Amino acid sequence: MRMLDKLSHIAIFCIIMLVASSPCWGADTIKIGIIGPMKFEVGQAQWNAAELAAEQINAEGGMRVGNRRMKVEIIKADSNEFFSIPDAVNAMERLILKDKVDFVTGGFRTEAVLAMQDMAMDNKIIFAGAGAAHPELCLRVAKDYNRYKYWFRIAPINSSYLVKNMFHQVLSVATYMKKNLNIDRLKVAIVADKAMWADGMVKAAERYLPMMGMEVVGNWRPLSTATDVTAELTAIQRTGAHMILTMNTGPVGIPLPKQAGELKIPAVVMGINTTAAKEDFWDTTQGMCNYSMTTESYCRGVEYNELTAPFVETYYKRYGSTPSYTSATYGFIKHILPAAIEKAGSLNSDKLVSIIEDSVNKTPAGMVAFEKDSEGRHLHELKAGPGWATFLAVQWVDGQMQAVWPHYKWTSPYWQYSVEPPDQPNKYSLKGLKPYVIPPWVTAAYKK
C-alpha cells in the first residue's frame, strides 16, 4: 500500500508539473468591446467582422499571452451615435465600467467618437477607431501623448487623405471624360453630409477642384438621415453639372443616386457613399444607381494580398454582403492585436501601445502602419498611399458591383492614378480591377 501511495503521489506531482509548464487556457478571457451604430450597416459590419475574427482566434486556441492562451470574448455596444452623442458616451461607459473590457474598437461619427475617445482615455483603454475620419482624433495624440496614446485609427484613412484620395478619383474620371466626351471644363456639384467630418472636405474641394481645371457649381448639405433629396438634385440639374461629387455616410446615400438615376441627370455620380457598396444596393435603389461610383475598401474578386480573398469570401458567405471599410475591426482583432500581445506577453495597455505604434501588420485591407507628424511625434494615424492603406472605387454596372480604381501608372517621378488599366501590370497593381464605364446617357449628351 505504501508503495502504491508513493507512486500515486509521484504521478500527481508529475501531472501538476506538466500542467504548470505547458501553455494552457487561462481562467479569464480577453474582452473586446465593439461599439458603433448597430442599427445601421456600418455598425453591423464592425460587429460581423469582429465576430469572425473572434471565432477564428478561438478555433486556433486563442491569443497567446505569455505562457498561456486566452479566449476572446466580444461585447456589442450600440452607440446610437447618428442621433445622440450622450448615448454613445453612455455605451462606451458601460463597456468599460460594467463589462470590464480590455480593448475597444469601432466608432463612426466623429463628433461622437471624440467624446467616446475621452472616456476610453480616462480609463487607459486602447481604442482602435474603425469608422471616424477627422484628423483631430489623431492630432490629440501628438498634442497630449500621455493622455491620448491609447487611441489608434485603423480605418478609414483620415479625411485629409480621403480628400486627396477623392481628388485622385475625380481627376481620374475627369481625365477619362474629357478624353472621350466633348467637355472642355468639367462642372462639379458637391453633395455632402451636414456633419463635422465632411466640413473640411467640402472646403478643400471648393478650393482645389478649380486648380485642377474644374468648376464647382455649388454645394448642397442634406442631413445624413435625409430620405428625399429631389430639391437638391433638381437644383443641381439646372447648373449643368457634369459630375455629382458625393460625401455621404448615412441613409441619405440611398435616395441620392436613386433619385439622380430617376431624373437621368447627364452627370456621373461618384465620391463617398458608404451605403452604395452593399450587394442589396441595386435592389434598394431599383437599379437607379446604375453607373454610380463610390469609395470602399473591398470588392469581391479584388485582392490587396493573399489575406483579402479568404476574408471577403468568408464574410460574404456568412453575412450575404461584402465587408465594409468599418470591417477593419477584423484586422485589428485577428492580426494587429494578437501580434502585439504575443510580443508584449501581456495585456498591459502601456506596453502594447509602444509595440503597436511601431508595428507593420499585413491585413486583408493591405499593410497597416502608423505615422508620425513632421516633428517626429506619434500620431497613431493610418499610413496611406500606394503599398499602404488605400481605398478602391467601386462602380455599379448593370447590376454588378466592380472595382474600377486605382489603376497605377508610372509617370516619372510619380505614380499616376487612373480608371484605365496600365499597359503592363506593376508592383502596385491590384488583382481584379476593371475599367471605368461612363453612363450611356452622359455619353449621349456630350459625345464628340
Protein backbone atom coordinates (compact mmCIF):
# COMPACT_ATOMS: atom_id res chain seq x y z
CA MET A 1 0.00 0.00 0.00
CA ARG A 2 2.81 2.36 0.91
CA MET A 3 4.41 1.72 -2.47
CA LEU A 4 1.09 2.46 -4.19
CA ASP A 5 0.71 5.68 -2.20
CA LYS A 6 4.19 6.77 -3.20
CA LEU A 7 3.52 6.00 -6.84
CA SER A 8 0.21 7.93 -6.66
CA HIS A 9 1.95 10.95 -5.16
CA ILE A 10 4.64 10.84 -7.82
CA ALA A 11 2.02 10.60 -10.58
CA ILE A 12 0.05 13.56 -9.18
CA PHE A 13 3.27 15.60 -8.82
CA CYS A 14 4.21 14.86 -12.45
CA ILE A 15 0.78 15.91 -13.68
CA ILE A 16 0.95 19.18 -11.75
CA MET A 17 4.41 19.95 -13.14
CA LEU A 18 3.30 19.11 -16.69
CA VAL A 19 0.31 21.40 -16.49
CA ALA A 20 2.30 24.20 -14.86
CA SER A 21 4.98 24.10 -17.55
CA SER A 22 2.63 23.99 -20.56
CA PRO A 23 0.64 26.76 -22.27
CA CYS A 24 -3.00 26.44 -21.27
CA TRP A 25 -6.32 28.20 -21.33
CA GLY A 26 -6.40 30.94 -18.72
CA ALA A 27 -9.31 31.28 -16.36
CA ASP A 28 -10.00 34.69 -17.86
CA THR A 29 -10.88 35.83 -21.35
CA ILE A 30 -9.77 38.86 -23.34
CA LYS A 31 -12.81 41.10 -23.57
CA ILE A 32 -13.11 43.36 -26.59
CA GLY A 33 -15.91 45.90 -26.88
CA ILE A 34 -17.35 46.53 -30.36
CA ILE A 35 -19.04 49.92 -30.39
CA GLY A 36 -20.91 51.51 -33.27
CA PRO A 37 -24.31 52.42 -34.73
CA MET A 38 -25.55 48.83 -34.75
CA LYS A 39 -28.92 49.62 -36.33
CA PHE A 40 -27.06 50.67 -39.48
CA GLU A 41 -24.92 48.74 -41.94
CA VAL A 42 -21.66 50.45 -40.95
CA GLY A 43 -22.08 49.37 -37.32
CA GLN A 44 -23.24 45.88 -38.18
CA ALA A 45 -20.16 45.46 -40.39
CA GLN A 46 -17.99 46.32 -37.39
CA TRP A 47 -19.69 43.61 -35.35
CA ASN A 48 -19.77 40.99 -38.11
CA ALA A 49 -16.05 41.31 -38.82
CA ALA A 50 -15.20 41.20 -35.11
CA GLU A 51 -17.36 38.09 -34.73
CA LEU A 52 -15.43 36.31 -37.49
CA ALA A 53 -12.09 37.31 -36.01
CA ALA A 54 -13.01 36.13 -32.51
CA GLU A 55 -14.31 32.79 -33.79
CA GLN A 56 -11.18 32.15 -35.84
CA ILE A 57 -8.84 33.09 -32.99
CA ASN A 58 -10.67 30.86 -30.52
CA ALA A 59 -10.71 27.98 -33.01
CA GLU A 60 -6.92 28.33 -33.26
CA GLY A 61 -6.54 28.14 -29.49
CA GLY A 62 -6.94 31.77 -28.51
CA MET A 63 -4.46 34.63 -28.21
CA ARG A 64 -1.07 33.77 -26.73
CA VAL A 65 -0.35 35.83 -23.62
CA GLY A 66 2.97 34.84 -22.11
CA ASN A 67 2.90 31.07 -21.48
CA ARG A 68 -0.85 30.69 -21.74
CA ARG A 69 -3.64 31.17 -24.23
CA MET A 70 -6.76 33.24 -23.63
CA LYS A 71 -10.05 33.08 -25.44
CA VAL A 72 -11.56 36.21 -26.96
CA GLU A 73 -14.99 37.45 -25.95
CA ILE A 74 -16.56 40.30 -27.93
CA ILE A 75 -19.25 42.51 -26.44
CA LYS A 76 -21.62 44.54 -28.61
CA ALA A 77 -22.49 48.15 -27.74
CA ASP A 78 -24.98 50.12 -29.85
CA SER A 79 -23.70 53.71 -29.75
CA ASN A 80 -26.78 55.24 -31.45
CA GLU A 81 -24.29 57.93 -32.44
CA PHE A 82 -26.11 59.11 -35.56
CA PHE A 83 -28.78 60.53 -33.27
CA SER A 84 -27.25 61.04 -29.82
CA ILE A 85 -23.72 61.77 -28.62
CA PRO A 86 -24.71 61.20 -24.95
CA ASP A 87 -25.97 57.73 -25.94
CA ALA A 88 -22.57 56.99 -27.49
CA VAL A 89 -20.71 58.08 -24.38
CA ASN A 90 -23.03 56.02 -22.17
CA ALA A 91 -22.43 52.97 -24.36
CA MET A 92 -18.68 53.38 -24.02
CA GLU A 93 -19.01 53.87 -20.27
CA ARG A 94 -20.98 50.62 -19.93
CA LEU A 95 -18.35 48.70 -21.89
CA ILE A 96 -15.55 49.97 -19.68
CA LEU A 97 -17.11 50.14 -16.23
CA LYS A 98 -19.78 47.43 -16.35
CA ASP A 99 -18.49 44.91 -18.90
CA LYS A 100 -14.84 45.47 -17.90
CA VAL A 101 -13.50 45.24 -21.46
CA ASP A 102 -9.75 45.15 -22.10
CA PHE A 103 -9.95 46.85 -25.52
CA VAL A 104 -12.50 48.70 -27.65
CA THR A 105 -12.80 49.03 -31.41
CA GLY A 106 -15.38 50.71 -33.62
CA GLY A 107 -16.95 54.17 -33.57
CA PHE A 108 -18.18 56.04 -36.62
CA ARG A 109 -19.42 59.63 -36.31
CA THR A 110 -16.54 61.95 -35.43
CA GLU A 111 -18.50 64.15 -33.02
CA ALA A 112 -19.43 61.07 -31.02
CA VAL A 113 -16.05 59.35 -31.32
CA LEU A 114 -14.29 62.41 -29.86
CA ALA A 115 -16.44 62.06 -26.75
CA MET A 116 -16.05 58.26 -26.63
CA GLN A 117 -12.31 58.70 -27.06
CA ASP A 118 -12.12 60.81 -23.89
CA MET A 119 -13.98 58.15 -21.92
CA ALA A 120 -11.57 55.45 -23.12
CA MET A 121 -8.52 57.61 -22.43
CA ASP A 122 -9.75 58.36 -18.89
CA ASN A 123 -9.60 54.63 -18.25
CA LYS A 124 -6.40 53.90 -20.25
CA ILE A 125 -8.27 51.56 -22.61
CA ILE A 126 -6.82 51.05 -26.10
CA PHE A 127 -9.48 52.27 -28.52
CA ALA A 128 -8.98 51.32 -32.19
CA GLY A 129 -11.17 53.59 -34.31
CA ALA A 130 -12.80 51.87 -37.28
CA GLY A 131 -15.02 54.50 -38.88
CA ALA A 132 -14.39 58.15 -37.93
CA ALA A 133 -12.14 60.12 -40.28
CA HIS A 134 -11.46 63.54 -38.71
CA PRO A 135 -7.72 64.34 -38.24
CA GLU A 136 -8.32 65.82 -34.76
CA LEU A 137 -8.74 62.32 -33.34
CA CYS A 138 -5.08 61.62 -34.07
CA LEU A 139 -3.77 65.14 -33.62
CA ARG A 140 -4.78 64.75 -29.99
CA VAL A 141 -2.17 62.00 -29.68
CA ALA A 142 0.62 64.35 -30.79
CA LYS A 143 -0.62 67.23 -28.65
CA ASP A 144 -1.09 65.23 -25.44
CA TYR A 145 0.61 61.87 -25.91
CA ASN A 146 0.40 60.65 -22.32
CA ARG A 147 -3.38 61.05 -22.31
CA TYR A 148 -4.33 60.06 -25.88
CA LYS A 149 -1.69 57.44 -26.71
CA TYR A 150 -4.28 54.66 -26.24
CA TRP A 151 -6.09 55.74 -29.41
CA PHE A 152 -5.27 54.29 -32.86
CA ARG A 153 -7.05 54.83 -36.16
CA ILE A 154 -7.33 51.57 -38.09
CA ALA A 155 -9.94 52.76 -40.63
CA PRO A 156 -10.51 54.77 -42.67
CA ILE A 157 -7.58 56.90 -43.78
CA ASN A 158 -8.25 60.34 -42.29
CA SER A 159 -10.41 62.94 -44.01
CA SER A 160 -7.34 64.82 -45.32
CA TYR A 161 -6.17 61.65 -47.04
CA LEU A 162 -9.73 60.89 -48.05
CA VAL A 163 -9.83 64.28 -49.77
CA LYS A 164 -6.60 63.53 -51.64
CA ASN A 165 -7.92 60.06 -52.43
CA MET A 166 -11.16 61.58 -53.68
CA PHE A 167 -9.30 64.19 -55.75
CA HIS A 168 -7.29 61.40 -57.40
CA GLN A 169 -10.57 59.65 -58.23
CA VAL A 170 -12.17 62.85 -59.54
CA LEU A 171 -9.15 63.67 -61.66
CA SER A 172 -9.05 60.10 -62.99
CA VAL A 173 -12.70 60.21 -64.05
CA ALA A 174 -12.48 63.80 -65.32
CA THR A 175 -9.43 62.96 -67.46
CA TYR A 176 -11.28 59.98 -68.90
CA MET A 177 -14.43 62.03 -69.59
CA LYS A 178 -12.50 64.82 -71.31
CA LYS A 179 -10.67 62.25 -73.38
CA ASN A 180 -13.89 60.63 -74.59
CA LEU A 181 -16.53 63.39 -74.45
CA ASN A 182 -16.97 66.92 -75.75
CA ILE A 183 -16.31 68.67 -72.42
CA ASP A 184 -13.80 71.50 -72.08
CA ARG A 185 -14.28 72.49 -68.42
CA LEU A 186 -15.89 69.97 -66.10
CA LYS A 187 -18.62 71.31 -63.79
CA VAL A 188 -18.87 69.67 -60.36
CA ALA A 189 -21.75 69.77 -57.87
CA ILE A 190 -20.93 68.75 -54.30
CA VAL A 191 -23.47 66.88 -52.15
CA ALA A 192 -22.10 66.28 -48.64
CA ASP A 193 -23.46 65.29 -45.25
CA LYS A 194 -24.25 68.16 -42.94
CA ALA A 195 -21.71 66.83 -40.46
CA MET A 196 -18.32 67.72 -39.00
CA TRP A 197 -16.37 65.01 -40.84
CA ALA A 198 -17.36 66.47 -44.24
CA ASP A 199 -16.79 70.18 -43.47
CA GLY A 200 -13.08 70.20 -44.26
CA MET A 201 -13.57 68.01 -47.31
CA VAL A 202 -16.12 70.41 -48.81
CA LYS A 203 -13.84 73.41 -48.24
CA ALA A 204 -10.91 71.56 -49.78
CA ALA A 205 -12.96 70.56 -52.81
CA GLU A 206 -14.16 74.12 -53.34
CA ARG A 207 -10.58 75.34 -53.18
CA TYR A 208 -8.67 72.71 -55.12
CA LEU A 209 -11.03 71.50 -57.85
CA PRO A 210 -10.76 74.85 -59.69
CA MET A 211 -6.96 74.48 -59.50
CA MET A 212 -7.46 71.14 -61.23
CA GLY A 213 -9.29 72.84 -64.09
CA MET A 214 -12.85 72.19 -62.88
CA GLU A 215 -15.70 74.50 -61.91
CA VAL A 216 -17.59 73.98 -58.64
CA VAL A 217 -21.20 74.98 -59.32
CA GLY A 218 -22.27 74.77 -55.66
CA ASN A 219 -22.55 72.56 -52.62
CA TRP A 220 -25.61 71.02 -51.05
CA ARG A 221 -25.56 69.72 -47.43
CA PRO A 222 -28.51 67.43 -46.62
CA LEU A 223 -28.69 65.60 -43.29
CA SER A 224 -27.13 62.15 -43.34
CA THR A 225 -30.57 60.78 -42.39
CA ALA A 226 -32.47 62.55 -45.21
CA THR A 227 -34.86 60.39 -47.23
CA ASP A 228 -35.58 62.80 -50.09
CA VAL A 229 -33.06 64.96 -51.98
CA THR A 230 -35.19 65.77 -55.03
CA ALA A 231 -34.97 69.51 -54.37
CA GLU A 232 -31.18 69.40 -54.21
CA LEU A 233 -30.88 67.28 -57.35
CA THR A 234 -33.29 69.46 -59.31
CA ALA A 235 -31.18 72.49 -58.43
CA ILE A 236 -28.05 70.61 -59.47
CA GLN A 237 -29.64 69.65 -62.78
CA ARG A 238 -30.21 73.34 -63.54
CA THR A 239 -26.49 74.07 -63.10
CA GLY A 240 -25.49 71.80 -65.97
CA ALA A 241 -23.11 69.82 -63.73
CA HIS A 242 -21.15 67.02 -65.39
CA MET A 243 -20.28 65.39 -62.06
CA ILE A 244 -22.10 64.97 -58.74
CA LEU A 245 -19.44 64.54 -56.08
CA THR A 246 -20.88 62.78 -53.03
CA MET A 247 -19.64 62.77 -49.42
CA ASN A 248 -22.27 60.73 -47.61
CA THR A 249 -22.03 58.16 -44.82
CA GLY A 250 -25.63 57.70 -43.72
CA PRO A 251 -29.07 56.67 -45.03
CA VAL A 252 -29.15 59.61 -47.45
CA GLY A 253 -26.83 57.52 -49.60
CA ILE A 254 -29.86 55.53 -50.84
CA PRO A 255 -32.18 58.26 -52.21
CA LEU A 256 -29.31 60.33 -53.65
CA PRO A 257 -28.20 58.02 -56.52
CA LYS A 258 -31.73 56.59 -56.85
CA GLN A 259 -33.34 59.96 -57.50
CA ALA A 260 -30.41 61.12 -59.64
CA GLY A 261 -30.95 58.00 -61.76
CA GLU A 262 -34.69 58.63 -61.99
CA LEU A 263 -34.07 62.19 -63.19
CA LYS A 264 -31.45 60.91 -65.69
CA ILE A 265 -29.24 63.88 -64.90
CA PRO A 266 -26.44 63.88 -67.52
CA ALA A 267 -23.76 63.73 -64.82
CA VAL A 268 -21.62 60.98 -63.33
CA VAL A 269 -22.28 60.25 -59.66
CA MET A 270 -19.15 59.43 -57.70
CA GLY A 271 -17.31 60.07 -54.43
CA ILE A 272 -18.03 58.65 -50.98
CA ASN A 273 -21.30 56.83 -50.27
CA THR A 274 -20.98 54.15 -47.60
CA THR A 275 -24.34 52.54 -48.43
CA ALA A 276 -23.52 52.12 -52.13
CA ALA A 277 -21.06 49.25 -51.71
CA LYS A 278 -23.60 46.73 -50.44
CA GLU A 279 -25.00 43.87 -52.51
CA ASP A 280 -28.61 44.92 -51.88
CA PHE A 281 -27.98 48.48 -53.07
CA TRP A 282 -29.05 47.64 -56.61
CA ASP A 283 -32.42 46.35 -55.40
CA THR A 284 -32.81 49.11 -52.80
CA THR A 285 -32.43 51.77 -55.48
CA GLN A 286 -34.44 49.70 -58.01
CA GLY A 287 -31.46 49.75 -60.35
CA MET A 288 -31.38 53.53 -60.47
CA CYS A 289 -27.85 53.51 -59.04
CA ASN A 290 -26.51 52.16 -62.34
CA TYR A 291 -23.01 53.51 -63.12
CA SER A 292 -22.70 55.33 -59.78
CA MET A 293 -19.30 55.02 -58.14
CA THR A 294 -18.20 55.11 -54.52
CA THR A 295 -15.13 54.72 -52.37
CA GLU A 296 -14.88 51.43 -50.48
CA SER A 297 -12.30 49.08 -49.02
CA TYR A 298 -13.42 45.77 -50.52
CA CYS A 299 -14.96 44.33 -53.64
CA ARG A 300 -15.35 40.65 -54.40
CA GLY A 301 -12.73 39.46 -56.86
CA VAL A 302 -10.21 42.20 -55.96
CA GLU A 303 -7.19 41.42 -53.78
CA TYR A 304 -4.70 43.59 -51.90
CA ASN A 305 -2.79 40.49 -50.80
CA GLU A 306 -3.28 36.79 -50.04
CA LEU A 307 -5.38 37.58 -46.93
CA THR A 308 -8.05 39.53 -48.82
CA ALA A 309 -9.98 36.85 -50.70
CA PRO A 310 -10.34 34.40 -47.77
CA PHE A 311 -11.68 37.16 -45.53
CA VAL A 312 -14.02 38.68 -48.14
CA GLU A 313 -15.45 35.35 -49.26
CA THR A 314 -15.90 34.04 -45.71
CA TYR A 315 -17.64 37.27 -44.75
CA TYR A 316 -19.85 37.16 -47.84
CA LYS A 317 -20.92 33.55 -47.29
CA ARG A 318 -21.69 34.23 -43.64
CA TYR A 319 -23.47 37.58 -43.90
CA GLY A 320 -24.55 37.84 -47.53
CA SER A 321 -22.66 41.06 -48.24
CA THR A 322 -19.17 42.37 -48.92
CA PRO A 323 -17.34 43.73 -45.86
CA SER A 324 -17.21 47.50 -45.43
CA TYR A 325 -14.22 49.64 -44.51
CA THR A 326 -15.67 49.61 -40.99
CA SER A 327 -14.93 45.87 -41.06
CA ALA A 328 -11.38 46.86 -40.12
CA THR A 329 -12.32 45.53 -36.69
CA TYR A 330 -11.33 42.14 -38.17
CA GLY A 331 -7.79 43.25 -38.98
CA PHE A 332 -7.35 44.75 -35.53
CA ILE A 333 -8.60 41.71 -33.62
CA LYS A 334 -7.15 39.00 -35.89
CA HIS A 335 -3.79 40.47 -36.90
CA ILE A 336 -2.72 43.67 -35.13
CA LEU A 337 -3.72 42.96 -31.53
CA PRO A 338 -2.54 39.30 -31.30
CA ALA A 339 0.89 40.17 -32.70
CA ALA A 340 1.32 42.95 -30.16
CA ILE A 341 0.05 40.88 -27.23
CA GLU A 342 2.32 37.96 -28.09
CA LYS A 343 5.33 40.25 -28.32
CA ALA A 344 4.48 42.02 -25.05
CA GLY A 345 3.47 38.83 -23.26
CA SER A 346 0.92 40.99 -21.51
CA LEU A 347 -2.42 42.84 -21.82
CA ASN A 348 -0.90 45.94 -20.24
CA SER A 349 -2.01 48.93 -22.31
CA ASP A 350 1.19 50.92 -21.93
CA LYS A 351 3.34 48.01 -23.11
CA LEU A 352 1.03 47.36 -26.06
CA VAL A 353 0.92 51.00 -27.16
CA SER A 354 4.67 51.16 -27.68
CA ILE A 355 4.57 47.95 -29.73
CA ILE A 356 1.54 48.77 -31.88
CA GLU A 357 2.69 52.30 -32.77
CA ASP A 358 5.92 50.96 -34.30
CA SER A 359 4.43 47.84 -35.88
CA VAL A 360 3.75 46.96 -39.51
CA ASN A 361 0.95 44.46 -40.00
CA LYS A 362 -0.45 42.74 -43.06
CA THR A 363 -4.27 42.72 -43.00
CA PRO A 364 -6.94 41.86 -45.60
CA ALA A 365 -7.18 45.60 -46.41
CA GLY A 366 -3.45 45.96 -47.03
CA MET A 367 -0.39 46.87 -44.98
CA VAL A 368 -1.12 48.80 -41.77
CA ALA A 369 1.42 51.13 -40.18
CA PHE A 370 1.11 54.34 -38.17
CA GLU A 371 2.52 57.77 -38.93
CA LYS A 372 4.39 60.44 -37.00
CA ASP A 373 3.99 64.16 -37.61
CA SER A 374 6.63 66.50 -39.06
CA GLU A 375 8.13 66.93 -35.58
CA GLY A 376 8.52 63.19 -35.10
CA ARG A 377 5.63 62.90 -32.66
CA HIS A 378 3.44 59.82 -32.73
CA LEU A 379 0.02 60.39 -34.32
CA HIS A 380 -1.27 56.82 -34.41
CA GLU A 381 -2.60 57.87 -37.80
CA LEU A 382 -3.02 55.28 -40.52
CA LYS A 383 -0.29 55.48 -43.16
CA ALA A 384 -1.81 55.99 -46.61
CA GLY A 385 -0.78 55.67 -50.24
CA PRO A 386 0.38 53.03 -52.75
CA GLY A 387 1.59 49.98 -50.87
CA TRP A 388 -0.18 51.06 -47.66
CA ALA A 389 -3.76 51.69 -46.65
CA THR A 390 -5.81 52.85 -49.59
CA PHE A 391 -9.31 52.62 -50.95
CA LEU A 392 -10.92 51.15 -54.01
CA ALA A 393 -13.56 52.87 -56.10
CA VAL A 394 -16.40 50.52 -56.98
CA GLN A 395 -18.95 51.11 -59.70
CA TRP A 396 -22.35 49.56 -60.30
CA VAL A 397 -22.65 48.37 -63.90
CA ASP A 398 -25.88 46.63 -64.97
CA GLY A 399 -26.48 45.01 -61.59
CA GLN A 400 -22.86 44.09 -60.89
CA MET A 401 -20.53 45.85 -58.48
CA GLN A 402 -16.99 46.02 -59.80
CA ALA A 403 -13.82 47.80 -58.69
CA VAL A 404 -12.54 50.32 -61.27
CA TRP A 405 -9.87 52.31 -59.36
CA PRO A 406 -6.96 52.70 -58.63
CA HIS A 407 -5.08 51.56 -61.69
CA TYR A 408 -1.50 52.72 -61.09
CA LYS A 409 0.55 54.10 -63.97
CA TRP A 410 4.14 55.24 -63.51
CA THR A 411 4.69 58.74 -64.85
CA SER A 412 8.10 59.84 -63.61
CA PRO A 413 8.60 60.95 -60.91
CA TYR A 414 5.15 59.95 -59.55
CA TRP A 415 2.61 57.17 -59.66
CA GLN A 416 -0.47 58.30 -61.59
CA TYR A 417 -3.93 57.11 -60.56
CA SER A 418 -6.25 56.11 -63.39
CA VAL A 419 -9.61 54.47 -64.20
CA GLU A 420 -7.95 52.86 -67.21
CA PRO A 421 -5.66 49.83 -66.77
CA PRO A 422 -1.93 50.35 -67.45
CA ASP A 423 -0.37 48.72 -70.48
CA GLN A 424 1.53 46.36 -68.18
CA PRO A 425 0.80 45.36 -64.55
CA ASN A 426 3.20 46.83 -61.98
CA LYS A 427 4.16 46.20 -58.36
CA TYR A 428 1.11 48.10 -57.07
CA SER A 429 -1.43 46.64 -59.49
CA LEU A 430 -4.36 45.09 -57.67
CA LYS A 431 -5.73 41.82 -58.93
CA GLY A 432 -9.26 42.02 -60.36
CA LEU A 433 -9.71 45.73 -61.24
CA LYS A 434 -11.96 46.64 -64.19
CA PRO A 435 -12.04 49.79 -66.38
CA TYR A 436 -14.49 52.61 -65.55
CA VAL A 437 -17.69 52.96 -67.61
CA ILE A 438 -19.28 56.36 -68.40
CA PRO A 439 -23.11 56.25 -68.07
CA PRO A 440 -24.68 55.92 -71.56
CA TRP A 441 -26.96 58.94 -71.06
CA VAL A 442 -23.93 61.08 -70.19
CA THR A 443 -22.14 59.80 -73.28
CA ALA A 444 -25.21 60.61 -75.38
CA ALA A 445 -25.34 64.15 -74.00
CA TYR A 446 -21.67 65.04 -74.53
CA LYS A 447 -20.18 62.62 -77.06
CA LYS A 448 -17.81 64.22 -79.56
